[in-house]
Amino acid sequence: MEKLKTFVKESYDEMTNKVSWPKYRQLQNSSVLVLVASLIFALVIGIIDLGFENAMKWYYENF
């Protein structure tokens, strides 16, 4: 039980005093960046998928 108490105390100390938390504005900018990058990535994958789908349809219709 003593080990658990020590762990909780040390974890709390580390989270409050040693971790550098980002400012709200920085966190917001990072979130927007991740959202935009995800949308671009999804769009690229969608275009590749559409190209393969059309290539396979063309292949199976002609051969």
C-alpha atoms as a PDB file:
ATOM      1  CA  MET A   1       0.000   0.000   0.000  1.00  0.00           C
ATOM      2  CA  GLU A   2       2.894   2.327   0.732  1.00  0.00           C
ATOM      3  CA  LYS A   3       4.270   1.820  -2.796  1.00  0.00           C
ATOM      4  CA  LEU A   4       0.926   2.887  -4.257  1.00  0.00           C
ATOM      5  CA  LYS A   5       0.862   6.064  -2.147  1.00  0.00           C
ATOM      6  CA  THR A   6       4.417   6.898  -3.200  1.00  0.00           C
ATOM      7  CA  PHE A   7       3.570   6.273  -6.837  1.00  0.00           C
ATOM      8  CA  VAL A   8       0.506   8.546  -6.698  1.00  0.00           C
ATOM      9  CA  LYS A   9       2.416  11.338  -4.922  1.00  0.00           C
ATOM     10  CA  GLU A  10       5.325  11.178  -7.355  1.00  0.00           C
ATOM     11  CA  SER A  11       2.982  11.043 -10.352  1.00  0.00           C
ATOM     12  CA  TYR A  12       1.084  14.089  -9.135  1.00  0.00           C
ATOM     13  CA  ASP A  13       4.325  15.978  -8.520  1.00  0.00           C
ATOM     14  CA  GLU A  14       5.600  15.142 -11.990  1.00  0.00           C
ATOM     15  CA  MET A  15       2.355  16.144 -13.706  1.00  0.00           C
ATOM     16  CA  THR A  16       2.104  19.482 -11.875  1.00  0.00           C
ATOM     17  CA  ASN A  17       5.743  20.591 -11.641  1.00  0.00           C
ATOM     18  CA  LYS A  18       7.828  18.793 -14.253  1.00  0.00           C
ATOM     19  CA  VAL A  19       5.583  18.476 -17.305  1.00  0.00           C
ATOM     20  CA  SER A  20       5.451  21.491 -19.597  1.00  0.00           C
ATOM     21  CA  TRP A  21       1.872  21.821 -20.762  1.00  0.00           C
ATOM     22  CA  PRO A  22       1.188  23.681 -24.034  1.00  0.00           C
ATOM     23  CA  LYS A  23      -0.730  26.928 -23.996  1.00  0.00           C
ATOM     24  CA  TYR A  24      -4.329  26.815 -25.224  1.00  0.00           C
ATOM     25  CA  ARG A  25      -3.496  28.688 -28.437  1.00  0.00           C
ATOM     26  CA  GLN A  26      -0.624  26.313 -29.217  1.00  0.00           C
ATOM     27  CA  LEU A  27      -2.870  23.319 -28.586  1.00  0.00           C
ATOM     28  CA  GLN A  28      -5.535  24.805 -30.854  1.00  0.00           C
ATOM     29  CA  ASN A  29      -3.022  25.375 -33.668  1.00  0.00           C
ATOM     30  CA  SER A  30      -1.725  21.820 -33.371  1.00  0.00           C
ATOM     31  CA  SER A  31      -5.254  20.427 -33.494  1.00  0.00           C
ATOM     32  CA  VAL A  32      -6.070  22.399 -36.642  1.00  0.00           C
ATOM     33  CA  LEU A  33      -2.840  21.196 -38.244  1.00  0.00           C
ATOM     34  CA  VAL A  34      -3.675  17.562 -37.478  1.00  0.00           C
ATOM     35  CA  LEU A  35      -7.216  18.003 -38.817  1.00  0.00           C
ATOM     36  CA  VAL A  36      -6.035  19.562 -42.090  1.00  0.00           C
ATOM     37  CA  ALA A  37      -3.289  16.946 -42.558  1.00  0.00           C
ATOM     38  CA  SER A  38      -5.816  14.150 -41.924  1.00  0.00           C
ATOM     39  CA  LEU A  39      -8.245  15.562 -44.467  1.00  0.00           C
ATOM     40  CA  ILE A  40      -5.517  15.906 -47.097  1.00  0.00           C
ATOM     41  CA  PHE A  41      -4.325  12.363 -46.410  1.00  0.00           C
ATOM     42  CA  ALA A  42      -7.899  11.023 -46.677  1.00  0.00           C
ATOM     43  CA  LEU A  43      -8.392  12.880 -49.958  1.00  0.00           C
ATOM     44  CA  VAL A  44      -5.175  11.441 -51.432  1.00  0.00           C
ATOM     45  CA  ILE A  45      -6.092   7.901 -50.345  1.00  0.00           C
ATOM     46  CA  GLY A  46      -9.599   8.386 -51.792  1.00  0.00           C
ATOM     47  CA  ILE A  47      -8.188   9.492 -55.146  1.00  0.00           C
ATOM     48  CA  ILE A  48      -5.808   6.519 -55.233  1.00  0.00           C
ATOM     49  CA  ASP A  49      -8.677   4.171 -54.368  1.00  0.00           C
ATOM     50  CA  LEU A  50     -10.859   5.653 -57.092  1.00  0.00           C
ATOM     51  CA  GLY A  51      -8.030   5.227 -59.608  1.00  0.00           C
ATOM     52  CA  PHE A  52      -7.536   1.572 -58.682  1.00  0.00           C
ATOM     53  CA  GLU A  53     -11.282   0.944 -58.804  1.00  0.00           C
ATOM     54  CA  ASN A  54     -11.523   2.408 -62.309  1.00  0.00           C
ATOM     55  CA  ALA A  55      -8.414   0.520 -63.451  1.00  0.00           C
ATOM     56  CA  MET A  56      -9.850  -2.774 -62.177  1.00  0.00           C
ATOM     57  CA  LYS A  57     -13.233  -2.136 -63.828  1.00  0.00           C
ATOM     58  CA  TRP A  58     -11.485  -1.351 -67.128  1.00  0.00           C
ATOM     59  CA  TYR A  59      -9.277  -4.438 -66.818  1.00  0.00           C
ATOM     60  CA  TYR A  60     -12.136  -6.835 -66.062  1.00  0.00           C
ATOM     61  CA  GLU A  61     -14.352  -5.385 -68.797  1.00  0.00           C
ATOM     62  CA  ASN A  62     -11.664  -5.747 -71.477  1.00  0.00           C
ATOM     63  CA  PHE A  63     -10.070  -9.080 -70.564  1.00  0.00           C
END
